[in-house]
Amino acid sequence: MADSYSKKENIKKREKKRQDKLIKKEDRKTNNNKGKSLEDMIAYVDINGNLTSVPPHLQNQEEDLLSRKENPNEVLDPAKVFNGIINSMNEKGFGFITEEKTNDSIFFHQSQLRQEVKKYDKVTYKKEVSEKGFRAIDIKKV
Protein backbone atom coordinates (compact mmCIF):
# COMPACT_ATOMS: atom_id res chain seq x y z
CA MET A 1 0.00 0.00 0.00
CA ALA A 2 2.92 2.35 0.68
CA ASP A 3 4.23 1.78 -2.85
CA SER A 4 0.86 2.68 -4.29
CA TYR A 5 0.74 5.96 -2.32
CA SER A 6 4.34 6.77 -3.34
CA LYS A 7 3.55 6.13 -7.00
CA LYS A 8 0.55 8.45 -6.82
CA GLU A 9 2.69 11.20 -5.25
CA ASN A 10 5.36 10.82 -7.95
CA ILE A 11 2.73 11.01 -10.65
CA LYS A 12 1.30 14.16 -9.05
CA LYS A 13 4.80 15.73 -8.90
CA ARG A 14 5.47 14.94 -12.57
CA GLU A 15 2.10 16.38 -13.57
CA LYS A 16 2.78 19.55 -11.54
CA LYS A 17 6.23 19.95 -13.19
CA ARG A 18 4.65 19.52 -16.61
CA GLN A 19 2.01 22.13 -15.82
CA ASP A 20 4.65 24.59 -14.52
CA LYS A 21 6.70 24.04 -17.64
CA LEU A 22 3.69 24.79 -19.87
CA ILE A 23 2.92 27.96 -17.90
CA LYS A 24 6.53 29.18 -18.25
CA LYS A 25 6.47 28.39 -21.98
CA GLU A 26 3.28 30.42 -22.49
CA ASP A 27 4.74 33.29 -20.46
CA ARG A 28 7.87 33.36 -22.62
CA LYS A 29 5.73 33.44 -25.77
CA THR A 30 3.69 36.43 -24.59
CA ASN A 31 6.50 38.45 -22.95
CA ASN A 32 9.38 38.15 -25.38
CA ASN A 33 11.31 41.04 -26.94
CA LYS A 34 11.38 39.55 -30.41
CA GLY A 35 9.88 41.73 -33.07
CA LYS A 36 10.61 45.01 -31.28
CA SER A 37 12.58 47.56 -33.20
CA LEU A 38 15.97 48.75 -31.98
CA GLU A 39 14.54 52.20 -31.25
CA ASP A 40 11.95 50.67 -28.91
CA MET A 41 14.71 49.00 -26.87
CA ILE A 42 17.11 51.98 -26.60
CA ALA A 43 16.98 54.40 -23.69
CA TYR A 44 19.03 57.60 -23.42
CA VAL A 45 20.20 59.58 -20.40
CA ASP A 46 19.43 63.29 -20.27
CA ILE A 47 21.61 65.98 -18.71
CA ASN A 48 19.97 65.42 -15.29
CA GLY A 49 20.75 61.70 -15.34
CA ASN A 50 17.16 60.61 -16.04
CA LEU A 51 16.22 57.99 -18.63
CA THR A 52 14.49 59.36 -21.72
CA SER A 53 13.57 58.24 -25.21
CA VAL A 54 14.95 61.45 -26.77
CA PRO A 55 18.40 61.05 -28.39
CA PRO A 56 21.14 63.37 -27.07
CA HIS A 57 21.44 65.36 -30.30
CA LEU A 58 17.76 66.33 -29.98
CA GLN A 59 17.98 67.36 -26.35
CA ASN A 60 18.67 71.01 -25.72
CA GLN A 61 21.48 70.40 -23.25
CA GLU A 62 22.47 73.98 -22.61
CA GLU A 63 18.88 74.89 -21.75
CA ASP A 64 18.67 71.87 -19.43
CA LEU A 65 21.89 72.92 -17.70
CA LEU A 66 20.55 76.39 -17.10
CA SER A 67 17.17 75.15 -15.91
CA ARG A 68 18.85 72.99 -13.24
CA LYS A 69 20.07 76.07 -11.45
CA GLU A 70 17.84 78.48 -9.59
CA ASN A 71 19.41 81.58 -11.09
CA PRO A 72 20.69 81.16 -14.66
CA ASN A 73 22.48 84.53 -14.62
CA GLU A 74 24.55 83.35 -11.67
CA VAL A 75 25.70 80.27 -13.62
CA LEU A 76 27.02 82.27 -16.56
CA ASP A 77 28.56 85.04 -14.44
CA PRO A 78 32.25 84.86 -15.43
CA ALA A 79 33.36 86.44 -12.14
CA LYS A 80 31.58 83.85 -9.95
CA VAL A 81 34.08 81.59 -8.15
CA PHE A 82 33.12 78.10 -7.00
CA ASN A 83 34.74 75.82 -4.42
CA GLY A 84 35.29 72.10 -4.77
CA ILE A 85 37.52 69.10 -4.24
CA ILE A 86 39.42 67.26 -6.96
CA ASN A 87 38.04 63.72 -6.89
CA SER A 88 39.81 62.22 -9.91
CA MET A 89 42.61 62.88 -12.35
CA ASN A 90 44.14 60.67 -15.01
CA GLU A 91 47.52 60.56 -16.67
CA LYS A 92 46.14 62.26 -19.81
CA GLY A 93 45.34 65.42 -17.86
CA PHE A 94 41.58 65.07 -17.53
CA GLY A 95 39.70 65.04 -14.24
CA PHE A 96 36.65 65.95 -12.24
CA ILE A 97 35.99 68.35 -9.39
CA THR A 98 33.15 67.74 -6.92
CA GLU A 99 31.41 71.03 -6.22
CA GLU A 100 30.99 71.69 -2.48
CA LYS A 101 27.41 73.03 -2.47
CA THR A 102 25.71 70.80 -5.08
CA ASN A 103 28.03 67.75 -5.19
CA ASP A 104 27.97 68.02 -9.01
CA SER A 105 30.97 66.67 -10.90
CA ILE A 106 32.63 69.33 -13.04
CA PHE A 107 35.02 68.30 -15.81
CA PHE A 108 38.44 69.94 -16.14
CA HIS A 109 41.65 69.63 -18.13
CA GLN A 110 45.14 70.24 -16.77
CA SER A 111 45.58 73.16 -19.17
CA GLN A 112 43.17 75.11 -16.91
CA LEU A 113 45.24 74.53 -13.75
CA ARG A 114 47.01 77.62 -12.41
CA GLN A 115 48.94 75.59 -9.80
CA GLU A 116 50.04 72.00 -9.37
CA VAL A 117 47.24 69.98 -7.76
CA LYS A 118 46.63 66.38 -6.78
CA LYS A 119 43.64 64.25 -5.85
CA TYR A 120 41.57 65.48 -2.86
CA ASP A 121 43.00 69.02 -2.99
CA LYS A 122 40.53 71.84 -2.29
CA VAL A 123 40.34 74.24 -5.21
CA THR A 124 38.53 77.34 -6.43
CA TYR A 125 37.45 77.63 -10.05
CA LYS A 126 35.13 79.33 -12.50
CA LYS A 127 32.62 77.57 -14.75
CA GLU A 128 31.88 77.85 -18.42
CA VAL A 129 29.27 76.03 -20.50
CA SER A 130 30.68 73.64 -23.09
CA GLU A 131 28.89 71.44 -25.59
CA LYS A 132 28.90 68.53 -23.11
CA GLY A 133 28.07 70.40 -19.91
CA PHE A 134 29.96 72.60 -17.51
CA ARG A 135 33.75 72.80 -17.58
CA ALA A 136 35.99 74.19 -14.84
CA ILE A 137 38.42 76.95 -15.81
CA ASP A 138 40.98 79.05 -13.95
CA ILE A 139 41.52 76.37 -11.26
CA LYS A 140 43.55 77.40 -8.20
CA LYS A 141 44.51 75.52 -5.06
CA VAL A 142 43.03 76.85 -1.81
C-alpha atoms as a PDB file:
ATOM      1  CA  MET A   1       0.000   0.000   0.000  1.00  0.00           C
ATOM      2  CA  ALA A   2       2.918   2.350   0.678  1.00  0.00           C
ATOM      3  CA  ASP A   3       4.226   1.782  -2.849  1.00  0.00           C
ATOM      4  CA  SER A   4       0.859   2.685  -4.288  1.00  0.00           C
ATOM      5  CA  TYR A   5       0.739   5.958  -2.320  1.00  0.00           C
ATOM      6  CA  SER A   6       4.343   6.774  -3.343  1.00  0.00           C
ATOM      7  CA  LYS A   7       3.553   6.130  -7.001  1.00  0.00           C
ATOM      8  CA  LYS A   8       0.549   8.451  -6.825  1.00  0.00           C
ATOM      9  CA  GLU A   9       2.690  11.196  -5.250  1.00  0.00           C
ATOM     10  CA  ASN A  10       5.364  10.816  -7.948  1.00  0.00           C
ATOM     11  CA  ILE A  11       2.732  11.006 -10.652  1.00  0.00           C
ATOM     12  CA  LYS A  12       1.300  14.162  -9.047  1.00  0.00           C
ATOM     13  CA  LYS A  13       4.804  15.731  -8.896  1.00  0.00           C
ATOM     14  CA  ARG A  14       5.474  14.937 -12.566  1.00  0.00           C
ATOM     15  CA  GLU A  15       2.102  16.379 -13.570  1.00  0.00           C
ATOM     16  CA  LYS A  16       2.784  19.548 -11.541  1.00  0.00           C
ATOM     17  CA  LYS A  17       6.231  19.955 -13.192  1.00  0.00           C
ATOM     18  CA  ARG A  18       4.652  19.516 -16.609  1.00  0.00           C
ATOM     19  CA  GLN A  19       2.007  22.134 -15.823  1.00  0.00           C
ATOM     20  CA  ASP A  20       4.649  24.590 -14.520  1.00  0.00           C
ATOM     21  CA  LYS A  21       6.697  24.043 -17.644  1.00  0.00           C
ATOM     22  CA  LEU A  22       3.686  24.787 -19.867  1.00  0.00           C
ATOM     23  CA  ILE A  23       2.917  27.956 -17.898  1.00  0.00           C
ATOM     24  CA  LYS A  24       6.527  29.179 -18.248  1.00  0.00           C
ATOM     25  CA  LYS A  25       6.472  28.388 -21.981  1.00  0.00           C
ATOM     26  CA  GLU A  26       3.282  30.418 -22.491  1.00  0.00           C
ATOM     27  CA  ASP A  27       4.741  33.288 -20.458  1.00  0.00           C
ATOM     28  CA  ARG A  28       7.870  33.357 -22.624  1.00  0.00           C
ATOM     29  CA  LYS A  29       5.726  33.440 -25.771  1.00  0.00           C
ATOM     30  CA  THR A  30       3.692  36.426 -24.592  1.00  0.00           C
ATOM     31  CA  ASN A  31       6.497  38.445 -22.952  1.00  0.00           C
ATOM     32  CA  ASN A  32       9.383  38.150 -25.382  1.00  0.00           C
ATOM     33  CA  ASN A  33      11.311  41.038 -26.943  1.00  0.00           C
ATOM     34  CA  LYS A  34      11.382  39.553 -30.410  1.00  0.00           C
ATOM     35  CA  GLY A  35       9.876  41.729 -33.068  1.00  0.00           C
ATOM     36  CA  LYS A  36      10.607  45.007 -31.278  1.00  0.00           C
ATOM     37  CA  SER A  37      12.584  47.560 -33.198  1.00  0.00           C
ATOM     38  CA  LEU A  38      15.973  48.754 -31.983  1.00  0.00           C
ATOM     39  CA  GLU A  39      14.539  52.204 -31.248  1.00  0.00           C
ATOM     40  CA  ASP A  40      11.952  50.666 -28.906  1.00  0.00           C
ATOM     41  CA  MET A  41      14.705  49.001 -26.868  1.00  0.00           C
ATOM     42  CA  ILE A  42      17.112  51.979 -26.599  1.00  0.00           C
ATOM     43  CA  ALA A  43      16.983  54.403 -23.686  1.00  0.00           C
ATOM     44  CA  TYR A  44      19.026  57.602 -23.422  1.00  0.00           C
ATOM     45  CA  VAL A  45      20.198  59.582 -20.400  1.00  0.00           C
ATOM     46  CA  ASP A  46      19.430  63.289 -20.272  1.00  0.00           C
ATOM     47  CA  ILE A  47      21.605  65.984 -18.711  1.00  0.00           C
ATOM     48  CA  ASN A  48      19.968  65.418 -15.292  1.00  0.00           C
ATOM     49  CA  GLY A  49      20.754  61.699 -15.339  1.00  0.00           C
ATOM     50  CA  ASN A  50      17.158  60.611 -16.043  1.00  0.00           C
ATOM     51  CA  LEU A  51      16.225  57.990 -18.633  1.00  0.00           C
ATOM     52  CA  THR A  52      14.488  59.364 -21.718  1.00  0.00           C
ATOM     53  CA  SER A  53      13.570  58.241 -25.213  1.00  0.00           C
ATOM     54  CA  VAL A  54      14.946  61.452 -26.774  1.00  0.00           C
ATOM     55  CA  PRO A  55      18.398  61.050 -28.391  1.00  0.00           C
ATOM     56  CA  PRO A  56      21.136  63.368 -27.065  1.00  0.00           C
ATOM     57  CA  HIS A  57      21.438  65.356 -30.298  1.00  0.00           C
ATOM     58  CA  LEU A  58      17.762  66.327 -29.981  1.00  0.00           C
ATOM     59  CA  GLN A  59      17.977  67.359 -26.352  1.00  0.00           C
ATOM     60  CA  ASN A  60      18.673  71.006 -25.723  1.00  0.00           C
ATOM     61  CA  GLN A  61      21.478  70.405 -23.254  1.00  0.00           C
ATOM     62  CA  GLU A  62      22.467  73.983 -22.608  1.00  0.00           C
ATOM     63  CA  GLU A  63      18.876  74.894 -21.751  1.00  0.00           C
ATOM     64  CA  ASP A  64      18.674  71.868 -19.428  1.00  0.00           C
ATOM     65  CA  LEU A  65      21.885  72.923 -17.701  1.00  0.00           C
ATOM     66  CA  LEU A  66      20.554  76.393 -17.099  1.00  0.00           C
ATOM     67  CA  SER A  67      17.166  75.147 -15.914  1.00  0.00           C
ATOM     68  CA  ARG A  68      18.846  72.985 -13.244  1.00  0.00           C
ATOM     69  CA  LYS A  69      20.066  76.069 -11.446  1.00  0.00           C
ATOM     70  CA  GLU A  70      17.838  78.477  -9.590  1.00  0.00           C
ATOM     71  CA  ASN A  71      19.410  81.579 -11.086  1.00  0.00           C
ATOM     72  CA  PRO A  72      20.694  81.157 -14.663  1.00  0.00           C
ATOM     73  CA  ASN A  73      22.479  84.527 -14.618  1.00  0.00           C
ATOM     74  CA  GLU A  74      24.550  83.345 -11.673  1.00  0.00           C
ATOM     75  CA  VAL A  75      25.702  80.274 -13.623  1.00  0.00           C
ATOM     76  CA  LEU A  76      27.016  82.267 -16.557  1.00  0.00           C
ATOM     77  CA  ASP A  77      28.560  85.037 -14.439  1.00  0.00           C
ATOM     78  CA  PRO A  78      32.251  84.858 -15.433  1.00  0.00           C
ATOM     79  CA  ALA A  79      33.362  86.440 -12.141  1.00  0.00           C
ATOM     80  CA  LYS A  80      31.582  83.849  -9.950  1.00  0.00           C
ATOM     81  CA  VAL A  81      34.077  81.591  -8.152  1.00  0.00           C
ATOM     82  CA  PHE A  82      33.120  78.102  -6.997  1.00  0.00           C
ATOM     83  CA  ASN A  83      34.739  75.822  -4.417  1.00  0.00           C
ATOM     84  CA  GLY A  84      35.292  72.095  -4.770  1.00  0.00           C
ATOM     85  CA  ILE A  85      37.520  69.099  -4.244  1.00  0.00           C
ATOM     86  CA  ILE A  86      39.417  67.263  -6.957  1.00  0.00           C
ATOM     87  CA  ASN A  87      38.041  63.721  -6.893  1.00  0.00           C
ATOM     88  CA  SER A  88      39.809  62.216  -9.910  1.00  0.00           C
ATOM     89  CA  MET A  89      42.612  62.884 -12.347  1.00  0.00           C
ATOM     90  CA  ASN A  90      44.136  60.672 -15.008  1.00  0.00           C
ATOM     91  CA  GLU A  91      47.524  60.558 -16.671  1.00  0.00           C
ATOM     92  CA  LYS A  92      46.136  62.255 -19.808  1.00  0.00           C
ATOM     93  CA  GLY A  93      45.337  65.424 -17.860  1.00  0.00           C
ATOM     94  CA  PHE A  94      41.579  65.066 -17.525  1.00  0.00           C
ATOM     95  CA  GLY A  95      39.702  65.040 -14.237  1.00  0.00           C
ATOM     96  CA  PHE A  96      36.646  65.948 -12.237  1.00  0.00           C
ATOM     97  CA  ILE A  97      35.994  68.351  -9.388  1.00  0.00           C
ATOM     98  CA  THR A  98      33.150  67.743  -6.920  1.00  0.00           C
ATOM     99  CA  GLU A  99      31.413  71.030  -6.224  1.00  0.00           C
ATOM    100  CA  GLU A 100      30.990  71.694  -2.485  1.00  0.00           C
ATOM    101  CA  LYS A 101      27.414  73.034  -2.467  1.00  0.00           C
ATOM    102  CA  THR A 102      25.714  70.799  -5.076  1.00  0.00           C
ATOM    103  CA  ASN A 103      28.031  67.746  -5.191  1.00  0.00           C
ATOM    104  CA  ASP A 104      27.972  68.015  -9.008  1.00  0.00           C
ATOM    105  CA  SER A 105      30.974  66.670 -10.900  1.00  0.00           C
ATOM    106  CA  ILE A 106      32.627  69.331 -13.036  1.00  0.00           C
ATOM    107  CA  PHE A 107      35.017  68.300 -15.815  1.00  0.00           C
ATOM    108  CA  PHE A 108      38.438  69.937 -16.140  1.00  0.00           C
ATOM    109  CA  HIS A 109      41.652  69.628 -18.130  1.00  0.00           C
ATOM    110  CA  GLN A 110      45.138  70.241 -16.767  1.00  0.00           C
ATOM    111  CA  SER A 111      45.577  73.163 -19.170  1.00  0.00           C
ATOM    112  CA  GLN A 112      43.170  75.107 -16.913  1.00  0.00           C
ATOM    113  CA  LEU A 113      45.244  74.533 -13.754  1.00  0.00           C
ATOM    114  CA  ARG A 114      47.010  77.620 -12.406  1.00  0.00           C
ATOM    115  CA  GLN A 115      48.943  75.590  -9.796  1.00  0.00           C
ATOM    116  CA  GLU A 116      50.044  71.996  -9.373  1.00  0.00           C
ATOM    117  CA  VAL A 117      47.239  69.978  -7.758  1.00  0.00           C
ATOM    118  CA  LYS A 118      46.631  66.377  -6.781  1.00  0.00           C
ATOM    119  CA  LYS A 119      43.641  64.246  -5.854  1.00  0.00           C
ATOM    120  CA  TYR A 120      41.565  65.476  -2.860  1.00  0.00           C
ATOM    121  CA  ASP A 121      42.997  69.023  -2.993  1.00  0.00           C
ATOM    122  CA  LYS A 122      40.530  71.839  -2.292  1.00  0.00           C
ATOM    123  CA  VAL A 123      40.342  74.244  -5.211  1.00  0.00           C
ATOM    124  CA  THR A 124      38.527  77.339  -6.432  1.00  0.00           C
ATOM    125  CA  TYR A 125      37.446  77.625 -10.049  1.00  0.00           C
ATOM    126  CA  LYS A 126      35.127  79.325 -12.498  1.00  0.00           C
ATOM    127  CA  LYS A 127      32.623  77.570 -14.746  1.00  0.00           C
ATOM    128  CA  GLU A 128      31.878  77.849 -18.422  1.00  0.00           C
ATOM    129  CA  VAL A 129      29.272  76.034 -20.500  1.00  0.00           C
ATOM    130  CA  SER A 130      30.684  73.641 -23.087  1.00  0.00           C
ATOM    131  CA  GLU A 131      28.893  71.441 -25.593  1.00  0.00           C
ATOM    132  CA  LYS A 132      28.901  68.527 -23.108  1.00  0.00           C
ATOM    133  CA  GLY A 133      28.073  70.398 -19.907  1.00  0.00           C
ATOM    134  CA  PHE A 134      29.965  72.599 -17.512  1.00  0.00           C
ATOM    135  CA  ARG A 135      33.754  72.805 -17.578  1.00  0.00           C
ATOM    136  CA  ALA A 136      35.986  74.191 -14.836  1.00  0.00           C
ATOM    137  CA  ILE A 137      38.424  76.953 -15.815  1.00  0.00           C
ATOM    138  CA  ASP A 138      40.978  79.055 -13.950  1.00  0.00           C
ATOM    139  CA  ILE A 139      41.520  76.370 -11.259  1.00  0.00           C
ATOM    140  CA  LYS A 140      43.548  77.401  -8.202  1.00  0.00           C
ATOM    141  CA  LYS A 141      44.512  75.520  -5.062  1.00  0.00           C
ATOM    142  CA  VAL A 142      43.033  76.850  -1.809  1.00  0.00           C
END
